[in-house]
Amino acid sequence: HLATFLSSISLTLLVITLVRENTSEYRRQEALRNQMEVDLMLGQIQPHFLFNALYVIQEICYENPETAAGAIEDFSKYLRHNMDSISIRTPIPFREELDHVRHYVSLQQLRFGGELNIAYDIRCSDFRIPSLTLQPLVENAIQHGIHDDHENGIITLTVDYVDEKENETGTDCVR
C-alpha cells in the first residue's frame, strides 16, 4: 500500500507541476497579447501628427491665444480618446468616434489652414463602431488628398440610412 500511496503522491505532484507550468505559460501569453494590443493602439497615434500639432499650437499662442486655447482643448481630447481606447474592447457609440474625428480635423485645419475643409453629412448616428476606426480613414483622406500643390481640399464624411430590405444587420444605419 505504501507504493500505491507514494505513486499517488508522485502523480499528484506531477499534475500540480503541469498545471503551474500551463498557468504560467497562459499568463505569459496573456501578458504578451495585452502588450501587443497596447503597442497596436499606440501605433495609431502618429508621432509626426503629435509634433506637428504641438508646433502649430505653439505658433498660434503668439498670434491668437484664444484659438490656441481651443486647440489645446482639441489636442487633449484627441489624446484622451486615444489613451482611453487602449482599454476599450467593445464597440463605442458612433457619436464618440465622430467627436474624436472632429477634434482631429480641427487640429489638422489649423495646420493646413484654408486648404482643408470637411463637410459632415451625418444622417444616422445611433450605432456603435470599434474605437479608432473612423479617424484613420479621415487621416488617410487628408494625407493623400491634401498636398502643397492643392489650393483647397474638401473631405465629405457621410453616414446615411440604408434600405431595410438590403440591410442584413437589422439596423437602419450604414456601418
N, C-alpha and C. Protein backbone atom coordinates (compact mmCIF):
# COMPACT_ATOMS: atom_id res chain seq x y z
N HIS A 1 0.80 -1.18 0.00
CA HIS A 1 0.00 0.00 0.00
C HIS A 1 0.85 1.26 0.00
N LEU A 2 2.02 1.18 0.58
CA LEU A 2 2.91 2.33 0.61
C LEU A 2 3.33 2.73 -0.80
N ALA A 3 3.57 1.74 -1.67
CA ALA A 3 3.96 2.03 -3.05
C ALA A 3 2.82 2.73 -3.78
N THR A 4 1.60 2.31 -3.57
CA THR A 4 0.43 2.94 -4.21
C THR A 4 0.28 4.37 -3.70
N PHE A 5 0.46 4.53 -2.38
CA PHE A 5 0.35 5.86 -1.79
C PHE A 5 1.42 6.80 -2.36
N LEU A 6 2.66 6.33 -2.45
CA LEU A 6 3.75 7.14 -3.00
C LEU A 6 3.52 7.44 -4.48
N SER A 7 3.00 6.48 -5.21
CA SER A 7 2.68 6.69 -6.63
C SER A 7 1.60 7.77 -6.76
N SER A 8 0.61 7.73 -5.88
CA SER A 8 -0.47 8.73 -5.91
C SER A 8 0.08 10.12 -5.62
N ILE A 9 0.97 10.20 -4.63
CA ILE A 9 1.58 11.49 -4.29
C ILE A 9 2.43 11.99 -5.46
N SER A 10 3.20 11.10 -6.07
CA SER A 10 4.04 11.48 -7.21
C SER A 10 3.18 11.97 -8.37
N LEU A 11 2.10 11.27 -8.64
CA LEU A 11 1.19 11.64 -9.71
C LEU A 11 0.54 13.00 -9.41
N THR A 12 0.14 13.21 -8.16
CA THR A 12 -0.47 14.48 -7.76
C THR A 12 0.52 15.62 -7.93
N LEU A 13 1.77 15.41 -7.50
CA LEU A 13 2.80 16.44 -7.65
C LEU A 13 3.07 16.74 -9.12
N LEU A 14 3.06 15.71 -9.96
CA LEU A 14 3.27 15.89 -11.39
C LEU A 14 2.13 16.72 -11.99
N VAL A 15 0.91 16.43 -11.61
CA VAL A 15 -0.25 17.19 -12.10
C VAL A 15 -0.16 18.63 -11.64
N ILE A 16 0.19 18.85 -10.38
CA ILE A 16 0.32 20.22 -9.86
C ILE A 16 1.40 20.97 -10.62
N THR A 17 2.52 20.33 -10.89
CA THR A 17 3.61 20.96 -11.63
C THR A 17 3.15 21.31 -13.05
N LEU A 18 2.44 20.41 -13.71
CA LEU A 18 1.96 20.68 -15.07
C LEU A 18 0.95 21.83 -15.08
N VAL A 19 0.07 21.85 -14.10
CA VAL A 19 -0.92 22.93 -14.02
C VAL A 19 -0.21 24.27 -13.81
N ARG A 20 0.78 24.29 -12.92
CA ARG A 20 1.53 25.54 -12.68
C ARG A 20 2.23 26.01 -13.94
N GLU A 21 2.86 25.07 -14.66
CA GLU A 21 3.57 25.44 -15.89
C GLU A 21 2.60 25.98 -16.93
N ASN A 22 1.44 25.31 -17.07
CA ASN A 22 0.45 25.78 -18.04
C ASN A 22 -0.12 27.14 -17.65
N THR A 23 -0.37 27.32 -16.35
CA THR A 23 -0.88 28.60 -15.87
C THR A 23 0.14 29.69 -16.11
N SER A 24 1.39 29.38 -15.83
CA SER A 24 2.46 30.34 -16.05
C SER A 24 2.57 30.70 -17.53
N GLU A 25 2.50 29.72 -18.38
CA GLU A 25 2.57 29.96 -19.83
C GLU A 25 1.36 30.76 -20.29
N TYR A 26 0.20 30.45 -19.76
CA TYR A 26 -1.01 31.20 -20.11
C TYR A 26 -0.86 32.66 -19.72
N ARG A 27 -0.38 32.90 -18.51
CA ARG A 27 -0.18 34.28 -18.05
C ARG A 27 0.84 35.01 -18.93
N ARG A 28 1.88 34.32 -19.29
CA ARG A 28 2.90 34.93 -20.15
C ARG A 28 2.30 35.28 -21.51
N GLN A 29 1.54 34.35 -22.08
CA GLN A 29 0.89 34.61 -23.37
C GLN A 29 -0.13 35.74 -23.27
N GLU A 30 -0.87 35.78 -22.18
CA GLU A 30 -1.85 36.84 -21.96
C GLU A 30 -1.16 38.20 -21.85
N ALA A 31 -0.06 38.25 -21.11
CA ALA A 31 0.69 39.50 -20.97
C ALA A 31 1.25 39.95 -22.32
N LEU A 32 1.75 39.00 -23.10
CA LEU A 32 2.27 39.31 -24.42
C LEU A 32 1.16 39.84 -25.33
N ARG A 33 0.00 39.20 -25.29
CA ARG A 33 -1.14 39.64 -26.09
C ARG A 33 -1.57 41.05 -25.68
N ASN A 34 -1.64 41.31 -24.39
CA ASN A 34 -2.01 42.65 -23.90
C ASN A 34 -1.01 43.69 -24.35
N GLN A 35 0.27 43.37 -24.28
CA GLN A 35 1.31 44.31 -24.71
C GLN A 35 1.20 44.59 -26.20
N MET A 36 0.91 43.56 -26.97
CA MET A 36 0.75 43.75 -28.42
C MET A 36 -0.45 44.65 -28.71
N GLU A 37 -1.53 44.50 -27.96
CA GLU A 37 -2.70 45.36 -28.15
C GLU A 37 -2.37 46.81 -27.82
N VAL A 38 -1.65 47.02 -26.74
CA VAL A 38 -1.25 48.38 -26.37
C VAL A 38 -0.34 48.97 -27.44
N ASP A 39 0.61 48.18 -27.92
CA ASP A 39 1.51 48.65 -28.97
C ASP A 39 0.73 49.01 -30.24
N LEU A 40 -0.25 48.19 -30.57
CA LEU A 40 -1.07 48.46 -31.75
C LEU A 40 -1.85 49.76 -31.58
N MET A 41 -2.45 49.94 -30.41
CA MET A 41 -3.22 51.15 -30.16
C MET A 41 -2.31 52.39 -30.16
N LEU A 42 -1.16 52.28 -29.53
CA LEU A 42 -0.24 53.41 -29.51
C LEU A 42 0.28 53.73 -30.90
N GLY A 43 0.36 52.70 -31.74
CA GLY A 43 0.77 52.90 -33.13
C GLY A 43 -0.22 53.75 -33.90
N GLN A 44 -1.47 53.78 -33.43
CA GLN A 44 -2.49 54.61 -34.08
C GLN A 44 -2.18 56.10 -33.89
N ILE A 45 -1.46 56.41 -32.85
CA ILE A 45 -1.13 57.81 -32.58
C ILE A 45 0.15 58.12 -33.34
N GLN A 46 0.02 58.84 -34.42
CA GLN A 46 1.15 59.13 -35.28
C GLN A 46 2.04 60.19 -34.64
N PRO A 47 3.31 59.85 -34.39
CA PRO A 47 4.21 60.83 -33.75
C PRO A 47 4.34 62.12 -34.57
N HIS A 48 4.39 62.01 -35.90
CA HIS A 48 4.53 63.23 -36.69
C HIS A 48 3.32 64.14 -36.52
N PHE A 49 2.14 63.56 -36.36
CA PHE A 49 0.95 64.37 -36.12
C PHE A 49 1.07 65.09 -34.78
N LEU A 50 1.51 64.37 -33.76
CA LEU A 50 1.65 64.97 -32.43
C LEU A 50 2.60 66.16 -32.46
N PHE A 51 3.75 65.97 -33.08
CA PHE A 51 4.74 67.04 -33.13
C PHE A 51 4.24 68.22 -33.97
N ASN A 52 3.60 67.92 -35.10
CA ASN A 52 3.05 68.98 -35.93
C ASN A 52 1.98 69.77 -35.18
N ALA A 53 1.11 69.05 -34.48
CA ALA A 53 0.05 69.72 -33.72
C ALA A 53 0.64 70.63 -32.65
N LEU A 54 1.62 70.13 -31.93
CA LEU A 54 2.24 70.95 -30.88
C LEU A 54 2.94 72.18 -31.47
N TYR A 55 3.59 72.01 -32.59
CA TYR A 55 4.27 73.13 -33.23
C TYR A 55 3.25 74.19 -33.67
N VAL A 56 2.16 73.74 -34.30
CA VAL A 56 1.12 74.68 -34.74
C VAL A 56 0.53 75.42 -33.54
N ILE A 57 0.24 74.69 -32.47
CA ILE A 57 -0.31 75.33 -31.27
C ILE A 57 0.67 76.35 -30.71
N GLN A 58 1.94 76.01 -30.70
CA GLN A 58 2.96 76.95 -30.21
C GLN A 58 2.95 78.24 -31.03
N GLU A 59 2.87 78.11 -32.34
CA GLU A 59 2.86 79.29 -33.21
C GLU A 59 1.61 80.12 -32.99
N ILE A 60 0.48 79.47 -32.80
CA ILE A 60 -0.79 80.19 -32.59
C ILE A 60 -0.79 80.92 -31.25
N CYS A 61 -0.06 80.40 -30.28
CA CYS A 61 0.00 81.05 -28.96
C CYS A 61 0.43 82.51 -29.09
N TYR A 62 1.34 82.80 -29.99
CA TYR A 62 1.85 84.15 -30.16
C TYR A 62 0.85 85.05 -30.89
N GLU A 63 0.13 84.45 -31.84
CA GLU A 63 -0.75 85.24 -32.69
C GLU A 63 -2.17 85.36 -32.14
N ASN A 64 -2.69 84.26 -31.59
CA ASN A 64 -4.08 84.25 -31.17
C ASN A 64 -4.25 83.29 -29.99
N PRO A 65 -4.02 83.78 -28.77
CA PRO A 65 -4.09 82.92 -27.59
C PRO A 65 -5.44 82.21 -27.41
N GLU A 66 -6.53 82.86 -27.81
CA GLU A 66 -7.85 82.25 -27.67
C GLU A 66 -7.97 81.01 -28.58
N THR A 67 -7.51 81.14 -29.81
CA THR A 67 -7.52 80.00 -30.74
C THR A 67 -6.59 78.90 -30.21
N ALA A 68 -5.46 79.30 -29.66
CA ALA A 68 -4.51 78.32 -29.10
C ALA A 68 -5.15 77.55 -27.95
N ALA A 69 -5.92 78.24 -27.12
CA ALA A 69 -6.59 77.56 -26.01
C ALA A 69 -7.57 76.51 -26.52
N GLY A 70 -8.31 76.85 -27.57
CA GLY A 70 -9.22 75.87 -28.18
C GLY A 70 -8.47 74.71 -28.79
N ALA A 71 -7.32 74.98 -29.39
CA ALA A 71 -6.50 73.93 -29.99
C ALA A 71 -5.95 72.99 -28.91
N ILE A 72 -5.57 73.56 -27.79
CA ILE A 72 -5.08 72.72 -26.69
C ILE A 72 -6.20 71.82 -26.18
N GLU A 73 -7.40 72.35 -26.11
CA GLU A 73 -8.55 71.53 -25.69
C GLU A 73 -8.79 70.40 -26.69
N ASP A 74 -8.77 70.71 -27.99
CA ASP A 74 -8.94 69.67 -29.01
C ASP A 74 -7.83 68.61 -28.90
N PHE A 75 -6.60 69.10 -28.71
CA PHE A 75 -5.46 68.20 -28.63
C PHE A 75 -5.58 67.27 -27.41
N SER A 76 -5.97 67.82 -26.28
CA SER A 76 -6.08 66.99 -25.07
C SER A 76 -7.23 65.98 -25.21
N LYS A 77 -8.34 66.38 -25.81
CA LYS A 77 -9.44 65.44 -26.02
C LYS A 77 -9.06 64.36 -27.02
N TYR A 78 -8.31 64.75 -28.04
CA TYR A 78 -7.81 63.77 -29.01
C TYR A 78 -6.93 62.73 -28.31
N LEU A 79 -5.99 63.20 -27.51
CA LEU A 79 -5.10 62.28 -26.79
C LEU A 79 -5.86 61.42 -25.79
N ARG A 80 -6.80 62.00 -25.08
CA ARG A 80 -7.59 61.26 -24.09
C ARG A 80 -8.33 60.11 -24.76
N HIS A 81 -8.95 60.37 -25.90
CA HIS A 81 -9.68 59.31 -26.61
C HIS A 81 -8.73 58.20 -27.03
N ASN A 82 -7.56 58.57 -27.53
CA ASN A 82 -6.59 57.55 -27.93
C ASN A 82 -6.14 56.71 -26.74
N MET A 83 -5.86 57.35 -25.63
CA MET A 83 -5.41 56.62 -24.45
C MET A 83 -6.54 55.75 -23.88
N ASP A 84 -7.75 56.28 -23.84
CA ASP A 84 -8.88 55.50 -23.35
C ASP A 84 -9.15 54.29 -24.24
N SER A 85 -8.87 54.42 -25.51
CA SER A 85 -9.14 53.33 -26.46
C SER A 85 -8.28 52.10 -26.19
N ILE A 86 -7.18 52.28 -25.49
CA ILE A 86 -6.31 51.15 -25.19
C ILE A 86 -7.05 50.08 -24.40
N SER A 87 -7.94 50.51 -23.51
CA SER A 87 -8.62 49.55 -22.66
C SER A 87 -10.02 49.17 -23.15
N ILE A 88 -10.49 49.81 -24.22
CA ILE A 88 -11.84 49.53 -24.72
C ILE A 88 -11.80 48.31 -25.64
N ARG A 89 -12.61 47.31 -25.31
CA ARG A 89 -12.63 46.07 -26.08
C ARG A 89 -13.94 45.90 -26.87
N THR A 90 -14.88 46.79 -26.63
CA THR A 90 -16.18 46.67 -27.28
C THR A 90 -16.43 47.91 -28.13
N PRO A 91 -17.30 47.81 -29.11
CA PRO A 91 -17.61 48.99 -29.93
C PRO A 91 -18.16 50.13 -29.08
N ILE A 92 -17.89 51.34 -29.52
CA ILE A 92 -18.33 52.55 -28.82
C ILE A 92 -19.41 53.24 -29.66
N PRO A 93 -20.19 54.13 -29.05
CA PRO A 93 -21.17 54.87 -29.83
C PRO A 93 -20.49 55.66 -30.95
N PHE A 94 -21.11 55.65 -32.11
CA PHE A 94 -20.56 56.38 -33.26
C PHE A 94 -20.32 57.85 -32.92
N ARG A 95 -21.21 58.44 -32.14
CA ARG A 95 -21.08 59.86 -31.78
C ARG A 95 -19.74 60.13 -31.09
N GLU A 96 -19.28 59.22 -30.24
CA GLU A 96 -17.98 59.40 -29.57
C GLU A 96 -16.84 59.37 -30.58
N GLU A 97 -16.92 58.44 -31.51
CA GLU A 97 -15.87 58.35 -32.53
C GLU A 97 -15.90 59.58 -33.43
N LEU A 98 -17.10 60.08 -33.73
CA LEU A 98 -17.23 61.29 -34.54
C LEU A 98 -16.65 62.50 -33.81
N ASP A 99 -16.89 62.61 -32.51
CA ASP A 99 -16.30 63.70 -31.73
C ASP A 99 -14.77 63.63 -31.80
N HIS A 100 -14.24 62.44 -31.70
CA HIS A 100 -12.79 62.25 -31.79
C HIS A 100 -12.28 62.76 -33.14
N VAL A 101 -12.98 62.42 -34.20
CA VAL A 101 -12.60 62.87 -35.54
C VAL A 101 -12.69 64.39 -35.65
N ARG A 102 -13.70 64.97 -35.04
CA ARG A 102 -13.84 66.43 -35.09
C ARG A 102 -12.65 67.13 -34.41
N HIS A 103 -12.18 66.58 -33.30
CA HIS A 103 -11.00 67.16 -32.63
C HIS A 103 -9.77 67.01 -33.53
N TYR A 104 -9.63 65.85 -34.13
CA TYR A 104 -8.50 65.60 -35.02
C TYR A 104 -8.53 66.57 -36.21
N VAL A 105 -9.69 66.69 -36.84
CA VAL A 105 -9.82 67.56 -38.01
C VAL A 105 -9.58 69.01 -37.63
N SER A 106 -10.06 69.43 -36.48
CA SER A 106 -9.84 70.80 -36.04
C SER A 106 -8.35 71.12 -35.95
N LEU A 107 -7.59 70.18 -35.43
CA LEU A 107 -6.13 70.37 -35.34
C LEU A 107 -5.49 70.39 -36.73
N GLN A 108 -5.96 69.53 -37.61
CA GLN A 108 -5.41 69.50 -38.97
C GLN A 108 -5.77 70.78 -39.72
N GLN A 109 -6.95 71.32 -39.48
CA GLN A 109 -7.34 72.57 -40.15
C GLN A 109 -6.44 73.72 -39.72
N LEU A 110 -6.01 73.71 -38.47
CA LEU A 110 -5.06 74.73 -38.04
C LEU A 110 -3.76 74.61 -38.81
N ARG A 111 -3.36 73.39 -39.08
CA ARG A 111 -2.11 73.14 -39.79
C ARG A 111 -2.23 73.52 -41.27
N PHE A 112 -3.31 73.09 -41.91
CA PHE A 112 -3.45 73.29 -43.35
C PHE A 112 -4.18 74.58 -43.70
N GLY A 113 -4.75 75.25 -42.73
CA GLY A 113 -5.46 76.49 -43.00
C GLY A 113 -6.64 76.26 -43.92
N GLY A 114 -6.79 77.14 -44.90
CA GLY A 114 -7.91 77.07 -45.84
C GLY A 114 -7.82 75.93 -46.83
N GLU A 115 -6.72 75.19 -46.82
CA GLU A 115 -6.57 74.08 -47.75
C GLU A 115 -7.43 72.88 -47.37
N LEU A 116 -7.88 72.81 -46.13
CA LEU A 116 -8.63 71.64 -45.66
C LEU A 116 -10.01 72.06 -45.18
N ASN A 117 -10.99 71.51 -45.84
CA ASN A 117 -12.38 71.72 -45.44
C ASN A 117 -13.03 70.36 -45.30
N ILE A 118 -13.90 70.23 -44.34
CA ILE A 118 -14.61 68.97 -44.16
C ILE A 118 -16.10 69.25 -44.03
N ALA A 119 -16.85 68.41 -44.71
CA ALA A 119 -18.31 68.50 -44.63
C ALA A 119 -18.81 67.24 -43.94
N TYR A 120 -19.65 67.42 -42.95
CA TYR A 120 -20.23 66.29 -42.23
C TYR A 120 -21.67 66.13 -42.69
N ASP A 121 -21.96 65.00 -43.29
CA ASP A 121 -23.32 64.68 -43.74
C ASP A 121 -23.77 63.45 -42.95
N ILE A 122 -24.12 63.68 -41.69
CA ILE A 122 -24.44 62.60 -40.76
C ILE A 122 -25.96 62.51 -40.64
N ARG A 123 -26.52 61.51 -41.25
CA ARG A 123 -27.98 61.32 -41.22
C ARG A 123 -28.38 60.23 -40.23
N CYS A 124 -27.41 59.54 -39.72
CA CYS A 124 -27.66 58.46 -38.77
C CYS A 124 -26.45 58.35 -37.86
N SER A 125 -26.67 58.32 -36.56
CA SER A 125 -25.54 58.21 -35.64
C SER A 125 -25.84 57.28 -34.48
N ASP A 126 -26.93 56.59 -34.54
CA ASP A 126 -27.35 55.72 -33.44
C ASP A 126 -26.87 54.29 -33.66
N PHE A 127 -25.54 54.11 -33.67
CA PHE A 127 -24.96 52.78 -33.79
C PHE A 127 -23.58 52.80 -33.17
N ARG A 128 -22.95 51.66 -33.09
CA ARG A 128 -21.65 51.52 -32.42
C ARG A 128 -20.61 51.04 -33.44
N ILE A 129 -19.37 51.48 -33.23
CA ILE A 129 -18.26 51.02 -34.06
C ILE A 129 -17.03 50.81 -33.18
N PRO A 130 -16.07 50.03 -33.64
CA PRO A 130 -14.83 49.88 -32.87
C PRO A 130 -14.11 51.22 -32.73
N SER A 131 -13.57 51.45 -31.58
CA SER A 131 -12.84 52.68 -31.32
C SER A 131 -11.65 52.82 -32.27
N LEU A 132 -11.37 54.04 -32.67
CA LEU A 132 -10.25 54.38 -33.56
C LEU A 132 -10.37 53.75 -34.94
N THR A 133 -11.58 53.65 -35.47
CA THR A 133 -11.73 53.15 -36.83
C THR A 133 -12.02 54.26 -37.83
N LEU A 134 -12.68 55.31 -37.41
CA LEU A 134 -13.04 56.39 -38.33
C LEU A 134 -11.88 57.36 -38.55
N GLN A 135 -11.16 57.70 -37.51
CA GLN A 135 -10.08 58.68 -37.61
C GLN A 135 -8.99 58.27 -38.61
N PRO A 136 -8.55 57.00 -38.64
CA PRO A 136 -7.54 56.64 -39.65
C PRO A 136 -8.04 56.82 -41.09
N LEU A 137 -9.34 56.65 -41.32
CA LEU A 137 -9.88 56.87 -42.66
C LEU A 137 -9.81 58.35 -43.04
N VAL A 138 -10.18 59.21 -42.09
CA VAL A 138 -10.11 60.64 -42.35
C VAL A 138 -8.65 61.07 -42.48
N GLU A 139 -7.79 60.54 -41.64
CA GLU A 139 -6.36 60.85 -41.72
C GLU A 139 -5.81 60.48 -43.09
N ASN A 140 -6.19 59.31 -43.59
CA ASN A 140 -5.74 58.87 -44.90
C ASN A 140 -6.24 59.82 -45.99
N ALA A 141 -7.50 60.25 -45.89
CA ALA A 141 -8.05 61.19 -46.87
C ALA A 141 -7.29 62.51 -46.85
N ILE A 142 -6.93 62.97 -45.66
CA ILE A 142 -6.17 64.21 -45.54
C ILE A 142 -4.76 64.02 -46.10
N GLN A 143 -4.14 62.94 -45.70
CA GLN A 143 -2.75 62.69 -46.11
C GLN A 143 -2.63 62.54 -47.62
N HIS A 144 -3.56 61.87 -48.24
CA HIS A 144 -3.44 61.62 -49.68
C HIS A 144 -4.28 62.57 -50.52
N GLY A 145 -5.10 63.40 -49.88
CA GLY A 145 -5.94 64.30 -50.63
C GLY A 145 -5.54 65.75 -50.52
N ILE A 146 -4.75 66.10 -49.52
CA ILE A 146 -4.33 67.48 -49.32
C ILE A 146 -2.82 67.53 -49.50
N HIS A 147 -2.40 68.22 -50.52
CA HIS A 147 -0.97 68.37 -50.79
C HIS A 147 -0.64 69.85 -50.91
N ASP A 148 0.62 70.16 -50.90
CA ASP A 148 1.06 71.55 -51.00
C ASP A 148 0.62 72.21 -52.31
N ASP A 149 0.45 71.40 -53.36
CA ASP A 149 0.10 71.97 -54.65
C ASP A 149 -1.41 72.13 -54.86
N HIS A 150 -2.23 71.76 -53.89
CA HIS A 150 -3.68 71.94 -53.98
C HIS A 150 -4.07 73.22 -53.24
N GLU A 151 -4.99 73.95 -53.84
CA GLU A 151 -5.47 75.15 -53.15
C GLU A 151 -6.44 74.80 -52.04
N ASN A 152 -7.38 73.92 -52.34
CA ASN A 152 -8.39 73.54 -51.37
C ASN A 152 -8.60 72.04 -51.40
N GLY A 153 -8.88 71.50 -50.25
CA GLY A 153 -9.25 70.10 -50.16
C GLY A 153 -10.55 70.00 -49.41
N ILE A 154 -11.47 69.23 -49.94
CA ILE A 154 -12.75 69.04 -49.27
C ILE A 154 -12.94 67.56 -49.04
N ILE A 155 -13.18 67.22 -47.79
CA ILE A 155 -13.48 65.84 -47.42
C ILE A 155 -14.92 65.83 -46.96
N THR A 156 -15.69 64.91 -47.49
CA THR A 156 -17.08 64.78 -47.06
C THR A 156 -17.22 63.46 -46.33
N LEU A 157 -17.65 63.54 -45.08
CA LEU A 157 -17.89 62.35 -44.27
C LEU A 157 -19.40 62.14 -44.24
N THR A 158 -19.84 61.05 -44.87
CA THR A 158 -21.27 60.79 -44.99
C THR A 158 -21.63 59.49 -44.28
N VAL A 159 -22.66 59.56 -43.47
CA VAL A 159 -23.26 58.38 -42.86
C VAL A 159 -24.74 58.48 -43.16
N ASP A 160 -25.29 57.44 -43.76
CA ASP A 160 -26.66 57.51 -44.23
C ASP A 160 -27.42 56.24 -43.88
N TYR A 161 -28.73 56.34 -43.95
CA TYR A 161 -29.60 55.19 -43.73
C TYR A 161 -29.52 54.26 -44.94
N VAL A 162 -29.84 53.00 -44.69
CA VAL A 162 -29.92 52.04 -45.79
C VAL A 162 -31.32 51.44 -45.80
N ASP A 163 -31.68 50.90 -46.95
CA ASP A 163 -32.97 50.24 -47.09
C ASP A 163 -32.97 48.97 -46.24
N GLU A 164 -33.99 48.78 -45.42
CA GLU A 164 -34.05 47.62 -44.53
C GLU A 164 -33.98 46.30 -45.29
N LYS A 165 -34.52 46.26 -46.50
CA LYS A 165 -34.50 45.02 -47.30
C LYS A 165 -33.07 44.63 -47.68
N GLU A 166 -32.22 45.65 -47.87
CA GLU A 166 -30.83 45.40 -48.26
C GLU A 166 -29.92 45.22 -47.06
N ASN A 167 -30.43 45.57 -45.88
CA ASN A 167 -29.60 45.59 -44.68
C ASN A 167 -29.80 44.31 -43.87
N GLU A 168 -28.78 43.50 -43.80
CA GLU A 168 -28.86 42.23 -43.07
C GLU A 168 -28.68 42.40 -41.57
N THR A 169 -28.16 43.55 -41.13
CA THR A 169 -27.87 43.72 -39.70
C THR A 169 -29.10 44.05 -38.89
N GLY A 170 -30.17 44.49 -39.54
CA GLY A 170 -31.38 44.83 -38.81
C GLY A 170 -31.38 46.24 -38.25
N THR A 171 -30.33 47.01 -38.49
CA THR A 171 -30.30 48.39 -38.04
C THR A 171 -30.60 49.29 -39.24
N ASP A 172 -30.80 50.56 -38.95
CA ASP A 172 -31.12 51.50 -40.02
C ASP A 172 -29.91 52.27 -40.51
N CYS A 173 -28.75 51.99 -39.99
CA CYS A 173 -27.57 52.78 -40.35
C CYS A 173 -26.57 51.96 -41.13
N VAL A 174 -25.85 52.65 -41.96
CA VAL A 174 -24.69 52.07 -42.62
C VAL A 174 -23.61 51.93 -41.58
N ARG A 175 -22.88 50.87 -41.61
CA ARG A 175 -21.79 50.71 -40.64
C ARG A 175 -20.48 50.71 -41.35
